[in-house]
Amino acid sequence: MPHFILEHSAELSDTQDLAALADAIFEAGCSHPAFAANPKAVKVRTIACQNIRSGADPQTFAHLTIRLLSGRTIETKAGLADDMLALLDRHLPNVGSLSVEPVDMATETYRKRAL
């Protein structure tokens, strides 16, 4: 189920291989112990953000939100965040700011339809 949503400064689309990064996030998500039981549920998307302002130098950023069903421990989510931040750092070493945030989705209200 997890949704990996990478928001990034728009210029990274021109300077970085975001398709390769999305593939790496997908593979890491599929093989992570938190999701390995159901790799078909992993989804990755990137969103370019225009008109950003940041205190970082250079003024570029990538932020990975990981939306996952509630019920995982803080330790699991922290480990996932650490793993994904390391992945971002390997792929985007010159980006001014990198961040990762696991976000719980309510199991009771989440709905899904898939073919």
PDB file of N, CA and C in Angstrom:
ATOM      1  N   MET A   1       0.773  -1.200   0.000  1.00  0.00           N
ATOM      2  CA  MET A   1       0.000   0.000   0.000  1.00  0.00           C
ATOM      3  C   MET A   1       0.808   1.253   0.000  1.00  0.00           C
ATOM      4  N   PRO A   2       2.013   1.303   0.410  1.00  0.00           N
ATOM      5  CA  PRO A   2       2.601   2.630   0.625  1.00  0.00           C
ATOM      6  C   PRO A   2       2.643   3.461  -0.653  1.00  0.00           C
ATOM      7  N   HIS A   3       2.419   4.760  -0.462  1.00  0.00           N
ATOM      8  CA  HIS A   3       2.582   5.742  -1.522  1.00  0.00           C
ATOM      9  C   HIS A   3       3.849   6.516  -1.189  1.00  0.00           C
ATOM     10  N   PHE A   4       4.829   6.478  -2.073  1.00  0.00           N
ATOM     11  CA  PHE A   4       6.049   7.261  -1.936  1.00  0.00           C
ATOM     12  C   PHE A   4       5.897   8.464  -2.864  1.00  0.00           C
ATOM     13  N   ILE A   5       5.789   9.655  -2.285  1.00  0.00           N
ATOM     14  CA  ILE A   5       5.521  10.868  -3.055  1.00  0.00           C
ATOM     15  C   ILE A   5       6.726  11.786  -2.911  1.00  0.00           C
ATOM     16  N   LEU A   6       7.477  11.944  -4.000  1.00  0.00           N
ATOM     17  CA  LEU A   6       8.668  12.776  -3.985  1.00  0.00           C
ATOM     18  C   LEU A   6       8.343  14.140  -4.573  1.00  0.00           C
ATOM     19  N   GLU A   7       8.253  15.141  -3.696  1.00  0.00           N
ATOM     20  CA  GLU A   7       8.124  16.519  -4.153  1.00  0.00           C
ATOM     21  C   GLU A   7       9.541  17.057  -4.280  1.00  0.00           C
ATOM     22  N   HIS A   8       9.779  17.843  -5.333  1.00  0.00           N
ATOM     23  CA  HIS A   8      11.142  18.348  -5.548  1.00  0.00           C
ATOM     24  C   HIS A   8      11.104  19.679  -6.280  1.00  0.00           C
ATOM     25  N   SER A   9      12.178  20.454  -6.128  1.00  0.00           N
ATOM     26  CA  SER A   9      12.278  21.699  -6.872  1.00  0.00           C
ATOM     27  C   SER A   9      12.315  21.361  -8.363  1.00  0.00           C
ATOM     28  N   ALA A  10      11.616  22.153  -9.143  1.00  0.00           N
ATOM     29  CA  ALA A  10      11.372  21.835 -10.556  1.00  0.00           C
ATOM     30  C   ALA A  10      12.652  21.651 -11.348  1.00  0.00           C
ATOM     31  N   GLU A  11      13.697  22.397 -11.047  1.00  0.00           N
ATOM     32  CA  GLU A  11      14.918  22.301 -11.843  1.00  0.00           C
ATOM     33  C   GLU A  11      15.601  20.943 -11.736  1.00  0.00           C
ATOM     34  N   LEU A  12      15.254  20.158 -10.713  1.00  0.00           N
ATOM     35  CA  LEU A  12      15.832  18.820 -10.614  1.00  0.00           C
ATOM     36  C   LEU A  12      15.389  17.932 -11.767  1.00  0.00           C
ATOM     37  N   SER A  13      14.250  18.250 -12.373  1.00  0.00           N
ATOM     38  CA  SER A  13      13.789  17.482 -13.538  1.00  0.00           C
ATOM     39  C   SER A  13      14.782  17.594 -14.688  1.00  0.00           C
ATOM     40  N   ASP A  14      15.501  18.706 -14.747  1.00  0.00           N
ATOM     41  CA  ASP A  14      16.464  18.934 -15.826  1.00  0.00           C
ATOM     42  C   ASP A  14      17.865  18.449 -15.478  1.00  0.00           C
ATOM     43  N   THR A  15      18.177  18.353 -14.193  1.00  0.00           N
ATOM     44  CA  THR A  15      19.557  18.060 -13.797  1.00  0.00           C
ATOM     45  C   THR A  15      19.755  16.681 -13.178  1.00  0.00           C
ATOM     46  N   GLN A  16      18.671  15.984 -12.845  1.00  0.00           N
ATOM     47  CA  GLN A  16      18.762  14.690 -12.171  1.00  0.00           C
ATOM     48  C   GLN A  16      17.971  13.645 -12.945  1.00  0.00           C
ATOM     49  N   ASP A  17      18.358  12.403 -12.791  1.00  0.00           N
ATOM     50  CA  ASP A  17      17.617  11.296 -13.412  1.00  0.00           C
ATOM     51  C   ASP A  17      16.533  10.850 -12.431  1.00  0.00           C
ATOM     52  N   LEU A  18      15.412  11.556 -12.462  1.00  0.00           N
ATOM     53  CA  LEU A  18      14.333  11.276 -11.508  1.00  0.00           C
ATOM     54  C   LEU A  18      13.623   9.962 -11.805  1.00  0.00           C
ATOM     55  N   ALA A  19      13.660   9.505 -13.047  1.00  0.00           N
ATOM     56  CA  ALA A  19      13.080   8.195 -13.362  1.00  0.00           C
ATOM     57  C   ALA A  19      13.892   7.101 -12.672  1.00  0.00           C
ATOM     58  N   ALA A  20      15.215   7.219 -12.708  1.00  0.00           N
ATOM     59  CA  ALA A  20      16.065   6.234 -12.016  1.00  0.00           C
ATOM     60  C   ALA A  20      15.854   6.312 -10.511  1.00  0.00           C
ATOM     61  N   LEU A  21      15.682   7.522  -9.989  1.00  0.00           N
ATOM     62  CA  LEU A  21      15.419   7.673  -8.557  1.00  0.00           C
ATOM     63  C   LEU A  21      14.076   7.044  -8.202  1.00  0.00           C
ATOM     64  N   ALA A  22      13.051   7.265  -9.013  1.00  0.00           N
ATOM     65  CA  ALA A  22      11.742   6.656  -8.751  1.00  0.00           C
ATOM     66  C   ALA A  22      11.855   5.134  -8.776  1.00  0.00           C
ATOM     67  N   ASP A  23      12.628   4.599  -9.707  1.00  0.00           N
ATOM     68  CA  ASP A  23      12.858   3.148  -9.756  1.00  0.00           C
ATOM     69  C   ASP A  23      13.544   2.663  -8.487  1.00  0.00           C
ATOM     70  N   ALA A  24      14.544   3.410  -8.023  1.00  0.00           N
ATOM     71  CA  ALA A  24      15.271   3.024  -6.806  1.00  0.00           C
ATOM     72  C   ALA A  24      14.360   3.071  -5.584  1.00  0.00           C
ATOM     73  N   ILE A  25      13.512   4.090  -5.497  1.00  0.00           N
ATOM     74  CA  ILE A  25      12.555   4.184  -4.390  1.00  0.00           C
ATOM     75  C   ILE A  25      11.594   3.001  -4.449  1.00  0.00           C
ATOM     76  N   PHE A  26      11.115   2.683  -5.645  1.00  0.00           N
ATOM     77  CA  PHE A  26      10.196   1.556  -5.818  1.00  0.00           C
ATOM     78  C   PHE A  26      10.841   0.252  -5.359  1.00  0.00           C
ATOM     79  N   GLU A  27      12.060  -0.006  -5.817  1.00  0.00           N
ATOM     80  CA  GLU A  27      12.757  -1.244  -5.438  1.00  0.00           C
ATOM     81  C   GLU A  27      13.006  -1.297  -3.937  1.00  0.00           C
ATOM     82  N   ALA A  28      13.431  -0.175  -3.357  1.00  0.00           N
ATOM     83  CA  ALA A  28      13.660  -0.138  -1.913  1.00  0.00           C
ATOM     84  C   ALA A  28      12.365  -0.358  -1.145  1.00  0.00           C
ATOM     85  N   GLY A  29      11.278   0.241  -1.632  1.00  0.00           N
ATOM     86  CA  GLY A  29       9.985   0.040  -0.987  1.00  0.00           C
ATOM     87  C   GLY A  29       9.522  -1.403  -1.063  1.00  0.00           C
ATOM     88  N   CYS A  30       9.678  -2.015  -2.236  1.00  0.00           N
ATOM     89  CA  CYS A  30       9.247  -3.408  -2.417  1.00  0.00           C
ATOM     90  C   CYS A  30      10.042  -4.375  -1.546  1.00  0.00           C
ATOM     91  N   SER A  31      11.307  -4.076  -1.317  1.00  0.00           N
ATOM     92  CA  SER A  31      12.149  -4.991  -0.553  1.00  0.00           C
ATOM     93  C   SER A  31      12.210  -4.658   0.933  1.00  0.00           C
ATOM     94  N   HIS A  32      11.654  -3.523   1.336  1.00  0.00           N
ATOM     95  CA  HIS A  32      11.699  -3.143   2.757  1.00  0.00           C
ATOM     96  C   HIS A  32      10.833  -4.106   3.569  1.00  0.00           C
ATOM     97  N   PRO A  33      11.301  -4.541   4.730  1.00  0.00           N
ATOM     98  CA  PRO A  33      10.523  -5.485   5.543  1.00  0.00           C
ATOM     99  C   PRO A  33       9.099  -5.015   5.861  1.00  0.00           C
ATOM    100  N   ALA A  34       8.885  -3.709   5.920  1.00  0.00           N
ATOM    101  CA  ALA A  34       7.545  -3.209   6.235  1.00  0.00           C
ATOM    102  C   ALA A  34       6.543  -3.492   5.119  1.00  0.00           C
ATOM    103  N   PHE A  35       7.040  -3.700   3.868  1.00  0.00           N
ATOM    104  CA  PHE A  35       6.130  -3.854   2.731  1.00  0.00           C
ATOM    105  C   PHE A  35       6.413  -5.088   1.889  1.00  0.00           C
ATOM    106  N   ALA A  36       7.434  -5.858   2.213  1.00  0.00           N
ATOM    107  CA  ALA A  36       7.861  -6.974   1.372  1.00  0.00           C
ATOM    108  C   ALA A  36       6.765  -8.020   1.161  1.00  0.00           C
ATOM    109  N   ALA A  37       5.830  -8.117   2.088  1.00  0.00           N
ATOM    110  CA  ALA A  37       4.760  -9.106   1.952  1.00  0.00           C
ATOM    111  C   ALA A  37       3.817  -8.770   0.799  1.00  0.00           C
ATOM    112  N   ASN A  38       3.772  -7.512   0.375  1.00  0.00           N
ATOM    113  CA  ASN A  38       2.857  -7.106  -0.684  1.00  0.00           C
ATOM    114  C   ASN A  38       3.510  -6.063  -1.595  1.00  0.00           C
ATOM    115  N   PRO A  39       4.553  -6.436  -2.342  1.00  0.00           N
ATOM    116  CA  PRO A  39       5.242  -5.444  -3.175  1.00  0.00           C
ATOM    117  C   PRO A  39       4.375  -4.861  -4.285  1.00  0.00           C
ATOM    118  N   LYS A  40       3.304  -5.547  -4.688  1.00  0.00           N
ATOM    119  CA  LYS A  40       2.429  -5.011  -5.737  1.00  0.00           C
ATOM    120  C   LYS A  40       1.685  -3.761  -5.270  1.00  0.00           C
ATOM    121  N   ALA A  41       1.665  -3.518  -3.973  1.00  0.00           N
ATOM    122  CA  ALA A  41       0.938  -2.369  -3.444  1.00  0.00           C
ATOM    123  C   ALA A  41       1.777  -1.091  -3.426  1.00  0.00           C
ATOM    124  N   VAL A  42       3.069  -1.180  -3.686  1.00  0.00           N
ATOM    125  CA  VAL A  42       3.962  -0.017  -3.630  1.00  0.00           C
ATOM    126  C   VAL A  42       3.703   0.899  -4.831  1.00  0.00           C
ATOM    127  N   LYS A  43       3.602   2.199  -4.548  1.00  0.00           N
ATOM    128  CA  LYS A  43       3.379   3.203  -5.593  1.00  0.00           C
ATOM    129  C   LYS A  43       4.372   4.343  -5.388  1.00  0.00           C
ATOM    130  N   VAL A  44       4.938   4.846  -6.478  1.00  0.00           N
ATOM    131  CA  VAL A  44       5.895   5.955  -6.416  1.00  0.00           C
ATOM    132  C   VAL A  44       5.484   7.004  -7.433  1.00  0.00           C
ATOM    133  N   ARG A  45       5.567   8.269  -7.042  1.00  0.00           N
ATOM    134  CA  ARG A  45       5.339   9.357  -7.994  1.00  0.00           C
ATOM    135  C   ARG A  45       6.208  10.550  -7.615  1.00  0.00           C
ATOM    136  N   THR A  46       6.528  11.365  -8.606  1.00  0.00           N
ATOM    137  CA  THR A  46       7.303  12.575  -8.357  1.00  0.00           C
ATOM    138  C   THR A  46       6.468  13.780  -8.760  1.00  0.00           C
ATOM    139  N   ILE A  47       6.663  14.855  -8.033  1.00  0.00           N
ATOM    140  CA  ILE A  47       5.919  16.089  -8.282  1.00  0.00           C
ATOM    141  C   ILE A  47       6.904  17.245  -8.274  1.00  0.00           C
ATOM    142  N   ALA A  48       7.021  17.930  -9.408  1.00  0.00           N
ATOM    143  CA  ALA A  48       7.892  19.101  -9.502  1.00  0.00           C
ATOM    144  C   ALA A  48       7.187  20.313  -8.903  1.00  0.00           C
ATOM    145  N   CYS A  49       7.893  21.060  -8.090  1.00  0.00           N
ATOM    146  CA  CYS A  49       7.334  22.245  -7.432  1.00  0.00           C
ATOM    147  C   CYS A  49       8.002  23.502  -7.988  1.00  0.00           C
ATOM    148  N   GLN A  50       7.198  24.416  -8.441  1.00  0.00           N
ATOM    149  CA  GLN A  50       7.680  25.693  -8.967  1.00  0.00           C
ATOM    150  C   GLN A  50       7.758  26.722  -7.841  1.00  0.00           C
ATOM    151  N   ASN A  51       8.528  27.760  -8.062  1.00  0.00           N
ATOM    152  CA  ASN A  51       8.551  28.933  -7.184  1.00  0.00           C
ATOM    153  C   ASN A  51       8.863  28.594  -5.738  1.00  0.00           C
ATOM    154  N   ILE A  52       9.906  27.838  -5.506  1.00  0.00           N
ATOM    155  CA  ILE A  52      10.259  27.490  -4.133  1.00  0.00           C
ATOM    156  C   ILE A  52      11.189  28.542  -3.550  1.00  0.00           C
ATOM    157  N   ARG A  53      11.198  28.634  -2.241  1.00  0.00           N
ATOM    158  CA  ARG A  53      12.148  29.451  -1.496  1.00  0.00           C
ATOM    159  C   ARG A  53      12.667  28.588  -0.369  1.00  0.00           C
ATOM    160  N   SER A  54      13.959  28.676  -0.128  1.00  0.00           N
ATOM    161  CA  SER A  54      14.566  27.833   0.892  1.00  0.00           C
ATOM    162  C   SER A  54      15.768  28.548   1.479  1.00  0.00           C
ATOM    163  N   GLY A  55      16.071  28.248   2.720  1.00  0.00           N
ATOM    164  CA  GLY A  55      17.274  28.779   3.345  1.00  0.00           C
ATOM    165  C   GLY A  55      18.507  27.977   2.978  1.00  0.00           C
ATOM    166  N   ALA A  56      18.307  26.842   2.307  1.00  0.00           N
ATOM    167  CA  ALA A  56      19.427  25.984   1.933  1.00  0.00           C
ATOM    168  C   ALA A  56      20.185  26.596   0.752  1.00  0.00           C
ATOM    169  N   ASP A  57      21.459  26.237   0.653  1.00  0.00           N
ATOM    170  CA  ASP A  57      22.268  26.672  -0.475  1.00  0.00           C
ATOM    171  C   ASP A  57      22.925  25.445  -1.068  1.00  0.00           C
ATOM    172  N   PRO A  58      22.567  25.018  -2.248  1.00  0.00           N
ATOM    173  CA  PRO A  58      21.708  25.697  -3.210  1.00  0.00           C
ATOM    174  C   PRO A  58      20.229  25.590  -2.832  1.00  0.00           C
ATOM    175  N   GLN A  59      19.427  26.439  -3.429  1.00  0.00           N
ATOM    176  CA  GLN A  59      17.991  26.449  -3.138  1.00  0.00           C
ATOM    177  C   GLN A  59      17.280  25.367  -3.952  1.00  0.00           C
ATOM    178  N   THR A  60      17.614  24.135  -3.648  1.00  0.00           N
ATOM    179  CA  THR A  60      16.953  22.981  -4.246  1.00  0.00           C
ATOM    180  C   THR A  60      16.535  22.053  -3.120  1.00  0.00           C
ATOM    181  N   PHE A  61      15.502  21.276  -3.362  1.00  0.00           N
ATOM    182  CA  PHE A  61      15.048  20.366  -2.316  1.00  0.00           C
ATOM    183  C   PHE A  61      14.409  19.131  -2.924  1.00  0.00           C
ATOM    184  N   ALA A  62      14.349  18.089  -2.112  1.00  0.00           N
ATOM    185  CA  ALA A  62      13.541  16.904  -2.402  1.00  0.00           C
ATOM    186  C   ALA A  62      12.982  16.433  -1.067  1.00  0.00           C
ATOM    187  N   HIS A  63      11.686  16.238  -1.035  1.00  0.00           N
ATOM    188  CA  HIS A  63      11.009  15.775   0.184  1.00  0.00           C
ATOM    189  C   HIS A  63      10.190  14.546  -0.176  1.00  0.00           C
ATOM    190  N   LEU A  64      10.460  13.449   0.516  1.00  0.00           N
ATOM    191  CA  LEU A  64       9.753  12.195   0.274  1.00  0.00           C
ATOM    192  C   LEU A  64       8.736  11.968   1.380  1.00  0.00           C
ATOM    193  N   THR A  65       7.457  12.020   1.024  1.00  0.00           N
ATOM    194  CA  THR A  65       6.386  11.655   1.947  1.00  0.00           C
ATOM    195  C   THR A  65       6.065  10.192   1.704  1.00  0.00           C
ATOM    196  N   ILE A  66       5.995   9.428   2.778  1.00  0.00           N
ATOM    197  CA  ILE A  66       5.641   8.011   2.673  1.00  0.00           C
ATOM    198  C   ILE A  66       4.312   7.833   3.380  1.00  0.00           C
ATOM    199  N   ARG A  67       3.261   7.681   2.601  1.00  0.00           N
ATOM    200  CA  ARG A  67       1.930   7.493   3.178  1.00  0.00           C
ATOM    201  C   ARG A  67       1.697   6.002   3.320  1.00  0.00           C
ATOM    202  N   LEU A  68       1.464   5.562   4.547  1.00  0.00           N
ATOM    203  CA  LEU A  68       1.296   4.146   4.821  1.00  0.00           C
ATOM    204  C   LEU A  68       0.173   3.932   5.817  1.00  0.00           C
ATOM    205  N   LEU A  69      -0.425   2.765   5.750  1.00  0.00           N
ATOM    206  CA  LEU A  69      -1.518   2.464   6.667  1.00  0.00           C
ATOM    207  C   LEU A  69      -1.015   2.458   8.100  1.00  0.00           C
ATOM    208  N   SER A  70      -1.826   2.942   8.993  1.00  0.00           N
ATOM    209  CA  SER A  70      -1.449   3.042  10.405  1.00  0.00           C
ATOM    210  C   SER A  70      -1.229   1.651  10.996  1.00  0.00           C
ATOM    211  N   GLY A  71      -0.516   1.642  12.103  1.00  0.00           N
ATOM    212  CA  GLY A  71      -0.296   0.388  12.810  1.00  0.00           C
ATOM    213  C   GLY A  71       1.160  -0.014  12.925  1.00  0.00           C
ATOM    214  N   ARG A  72       2.044   0.660  12.185  1.00  0.00           N
ATOM    215  CA  ARG A  72       3.468   0.333  12.283  1.00  0.00           C
ATOM    216  C   ARG A  72       4.089   1.076  13.452  1.00  0.00           C
ATOM    217  N   THR A  73       5.115   0.484  14.024  1.00  0.00           N
ATOM    218  CA  THR A  73       5.759   1.085  15.196  1.00  0.00           C
ATOM    219  C   THR A  73       6.585   2.309  14.795  1.00  0.00           C
ATOM    220  N   ILE A  74       6.858   3.146  15.783  1.00  0.00           N
ATOM    221  CA  ILE A  74       7.732   4.300  15.584  1.00  0.00           C
ATOM    222  C   ILE A  74       9.094   3.834  15.084  1.00  0.00           C
ATOM    223  N   GLU A  75       9.597   2.739  15.626  1.00  0.00           N
ATOM    224  CA  GLU A  75      10.905   2.220  15.220  1.00  0.00           C
ATOM    225  C   GLU A  75      10.905   1.813  13.741  1.00  0.00           C
ATOM    226  N   THR A  76       9.835   1.173  13.297  1.00  0.00           N
ATOM    227  CA  THR A  76       9.718   0.783  11.890  1.00  0.00           C
ATOM    228  C   THR A  76       9.703   2.011  11.001  1.00  0.00           C
ATOM    229  N   LYS A  77       8.907   3.017  11.379  1.00  0.00           N
ATOM    230  CA  LYS A  77       8.814   4.231  10.564  1.00  0.00           C
ATOM    231  C   LYS A  77      10.124   5.011  10.578  1.00  0.00           C
ATOM    232  N   ALA A  78      10.799   5.055  11.715  1.00  0.00           N
ATOM    233  CA  ALA A  78      12.087   5.758  11.791  1.00  0.00           C
ATOM    234  C   ALA A  78      13.139   5.045  10.944  1.00  0.00           C
ATOM    235  N   GLY A  79      13.162   3.731  10.993  1.00  0.00           N
ATOM    236  CA  GLY A  79      14.098   2.970  10.171  1.00  0.00           C
ATOM    237  C   GLY A  79      13.833   3.167   8.689  1.00  0.00           C
ATOM    238  N   LEU A  80      12.561   3.185   8.311  1.00  0.00           N
ATOM    239  CA  LEU A  80      12.177   3.432   6.930  1.00  0.00           C
ATOM    240  C   LEU A  80      12.634   4.825   6.498  1.00  0.00           C
ATOM    241  N   ALA A  81      12.414   5.825   7.343  1.00  0.00           N
ATOM    242  CA  ALA A  81      12.841   7.193   7.034  1.00  0.00           C
ATOM    243  C   ALA A  81      14.358   7.265   6.878  1.00  0.00           C
ATOM    244  N   ASP A  82      15.095   6.615   7.772  1.00  0.00           N
ATOM    245  CA  ASP A  82      16.559   6.601   7.681  1.00  0.00           C
ATOM    246  C   ASP A  82      17.014   5.966   6.374  1.00  0.00           C
ATOM    247  N   ASP A  83      16.428   4.818   6.028  1.00  0.00           N
ATOM    248  CA  ASP A  83      16.798   4.113   4.794  1.00  0.00           C
ATOM    249  C   ASP A  83      16.523   4.968   3.566  1.00  0.00           C
ATOM    250  N   MET A  84      15.365   5.609   3.539  1.00  0.00           N
ATOM    251  CA  MET A  84      14.994   6.408   2.376  1.00  0.00           C
ATOM    252  C   MET A  84      15.804   7.701   2.277  1.00  0.00           C
ATOM    253  N   LEU A  85      16.150   8.294   3.425  1.00  0.00           N
ATOM    254  CA  LEU A  85      16.998   9.486   3.387  1.00  0.00           C
ATOM    255  C   LEU A  85      18.381   9.132   2.839  1.00  0.00           C
ATOM    256  N   ALA A  86      18.904   7.993   3.237  1.00  0.00           N
ATOM    257  CA  ALA A  86      20.200   7.544   2.706  1.00  0.00           C
ATOM    258  C   ALA A  86      20.107   7.315   1.194  1.00  0.00           C
ATOM    259  N   LEU A  87      19.000   6.756   0.729  1.00  0.00           N
ATOM    260  CA  LEU A  87      18.801   6.545  -0.705  1.00  0.00           C
ATOM    261  C   LEU A  87      18.755   7.884  -1.440  1.00  0.00           C
ATOM    262  N   LEU A  88      17.996   8.836  -0.907  1.00  0.00           N
ATOM    263  CA  LEU A  88      17.938  10.159  -1.532  1.00  0.00           C
ATOM    264  C   LEU A  88      19.319  10.799  -1.577  1.00  0.00           C
ATOM    265  N   ASP A  89      20.066  10.674  -0.505  1.00  0.00           N
ATOM    266  CA  ASP A  89      21.397  11.276  -0.439  1.00  0.00           C
ATOM    267  C   ASP A  89      22.336  10.661  -1.481  1.00  0.00           C
ATOM    268  N   ARG A  90      22.222   9.360  -1.718  1.00  0.00           N
ATOM    269  CA  ARG A  90      23.047   8.713  -2.746  1.00  0.00           C
ATOM    270  C   ARG A  90      22.699   9.218  -4.147  1.00  0.00           C
ATOM    271  N   HIS A  91      21.415   9.433  -4.409  1.00  0.00           N
ATOM    272  CA  HIS A  91      20.975   9.844  -5.739  1.00  0.00           C
ATOM    273  C   HIS A  91      21.023  11.352  -5.954  1.00  0.00           C
ATOM    274  N   LEU A  92      20.920  12.125  -4.887  1.00  0.00           N
ATOM    275  CA  LEU A  92      20.841  13.583  -4.993  1.00  0.00           C
ATOM    276  C   LEU A  92      21.862  14.254  -4.076  1.00  0.00           C
ATOM    277  N   PRO A  93      23.155  13.946  -4.219  1.00  0.00           N
ATOM    278  CA  PRO A  93      24.142  14.439  -3.255  1.00  0.00           C
ATOM    279  C   PRO A  93      24.341  15.956  -3.260  1.00  0.00           C
ATOM    280  N   ASN A  94      23.969  16.639  -4.331  1.00  0.00           N
ATOM    281  CA  ASN A  94      24.194  18.083  -4.419  1.00  0.00           C
ATOM    282  C   ASN A  94      22.931  18.906  -4.212  1.00  0.00           C
ATOM    283  N   VAL A  95      21.850  18.258  -3.816  1.00  0.00           N
ATOM    284  CA  VAL A  95      20.590  18.973  -3.576  1.00  0.00           C
ATOM    285  C   VAL A  95      20.660  19.629  -2.199  1.00  0.00           C
ATOM    286  N   GLY A  96      20.214  20.878  -2.116  1.00  0.00           N
ATOM    287  CA  GLY A  96      20.353  21.672  -0.904  1.00  0.00           C
ATOM    288  C   GLY A  96      19.686  21.100   0.334  1.00  0.00           C
ATOM    289  N   SER A  97      18.504  20.532   0.190  1.00  0.00           N
ATOM    290  CA  SER A  97      17.770  20.013   1.345  1.00  0.00           C
ATOM    291  C   SER A  97      17.057  18.720   0.959  1.00  0.00           C
ATOM    292  N   LEU A  98      17.269  17.685   1.767  1.00  0.00           N
ATOM    293  CA  LEU A  98      16.588  16.401   1.586  1.00  0.00           C
ATOM    294  C   LEU A  98      15.843  16.075   2.862  1.00  0.00           C
ATOM    295  N   SER A  99      14.627  15.570   2.744  1.00  0.00           N
ATOM    296  CA  SER A  99      13.868  15.187   3.929  1.00  0.00           C
ATOM    297  C   SER A  99      12.925  14.040   3.599  1.00  0.00           C
ATOM    298  N   VAL A 100      12.541  13.310   4.647  1.00  0.00           N
ATOM    299  CA  VAL A 100      11.632  12.163   4.521  1.00  0.00           C
ATOM    300  C   VAL A 100      10.650  12.214   5.678  1.00  0.00           C
ATOM    301  N   GLU A 101       9.381  11.948   5.390  1.00  0.00           N
ATOM    302  CA  GLU A 101       8.358  11.932   6.439  1.00  0.00           C
ATOM    303  C   GLU A 101       7.366  10.799   6.219  1.00  0.00           C
ATOM    304  N   PRO A 102       7.423   9.758   7.036  1.00  0.00           N
ATOM    305  CA  PRO A 102       6.359   8.751   7.008  1.00  0.00           C
ATOM    306  C   PRO A 102       5.086   9.337   7.628  1.00  0.00           C
ATOM    307  N   VAL A 103       3.960   9.141   6.971  1.00  0.00           N
ATOM    308  CA  VAL A 103       2.685   9.683   7.429  1.00  0.00           C
ATOM    309  C   VAL A 103       1.667   8.550   7.479  1.00  0.00           C
ATOM    310  N   ASP A 104       1.012   8.384   8.627  1.00  0.00           N
ATOM    311  CA  ASP A 104       0.000   7.344   8.767  1.00  0.00           C
ATOM    312  C   ASP A 104      -1.290   7.728   8.055  1.00  0.00           C
ATOM    313  N   MET A 105      -1.887   6.739   7.404  1.00  0.00           N
ATOM    314  CA  MET A 105      -3.218   6.862   6.834  1.00  0.00           C
ATOM    315  C   MET A 105      -4.138   5.975   7.676  1.00  0.00           C
ATOM    316  N   ALA A 106      -5.333   6.442   7.932  1.00  0.00           N
ATOM    317  CA  ALA A 106      -6.257   5.689   8.776  1.00  0.00           C
ATOM    318  C   ALA A 106      -6.729   4.425   8.069  1.00  0.00           C
ATOM    319  N   THR A 107      -6.401   3.283   8.639  1.00  0.00           N
ATOM    320  CA  THR A 107      -6.816   1.992   8.085  1.00  0.00           C
ATOM    321  C   THR A 107      -8.339   1.915   7.985  1.00  0.00           C
ATOM    322  N   GLU A 108      -9.018   2.531   8.927  1.00  0.00           N
ATOM    323  CA  GLU A 108     -10.479   2.442   8.992  1.00  0.00           C
ATOM    324  C   GLU A 108     -11.165   3.190   7.844  1.00  0.00           C
ATOM    325  N   THR A 109     -10.490   4.192   7.278  1.00  0.00           N
ATOM    326  CA  THR A 109     -11.155   5.002   6.261  1.00  0.00           C
ATOM    327  C   THR A 109     -10.505   4.939   4.880  1.00  0.00           C
ATOM    328  N   TYR A 110      -9.323   4.382   4.767  1.00  0.00           N
ATOM    329  CA  TYR A 110      -8.650   4.276   3.469  1.00  0.00           C
ATOM    330  C   TYR A 110      -9.409   3.300   2.580  1.00  0.00           C
ATOM    331  N   ARG A 111      -9.628   3.699   1.343  1.00  0.00           N
ATOM    332  CA  ARG A 111     -10.299   2.850   0.371  1.00  0.00           C
ATOM    333  C   ARG A 111      -9.439   2.735  -0.857  1.00  0.00           C
ATOM    334  N   LYS A 112      -9.556   1.604  -1.545  1.00  0.00           N
ATOM    335  CA  LYS A 112      -8.728   1.357  -2.716  1.00  0.00           C
ATOM    336  C   LYS A 112      -9.497   0.487  -3.694  1.00  0.00           C
ATOM    337  N   ARG A 113      -9.254   0.752  -4.990  1.00  0.00           N
ATOM    338  CA  ARG A 113      -9.760  -0.088  -6.060  1.00  0.00           C
ATOM    339  C   ARG A 113      -8.600  -0.344  -7.005  1.00  0.00           C
ATOM    340  N   ALA A 114      -8.296  -1.585  -7.303  1.00  0.00           N
ATOM    341  CA  ALA A 114      -7.220  -1.911  -8.228  1.00  0.00           C
ATOM    342  C   ALA A 114      -7.669  -3.042  -9.142  1.00  0.00           C
ATOM    343  N   LEU A 115      -7.157  -3.034 -10.346  1.00  0.00           N
ATOM    344  CA  LEU A 115      -7.466  -4.106 -11.294  1.00  0.00           C
ATOM    345  C   LEU A 115      -6.524  -5.263 -11.082  1.00  0.00           C
TER     346      LEU A 115
END
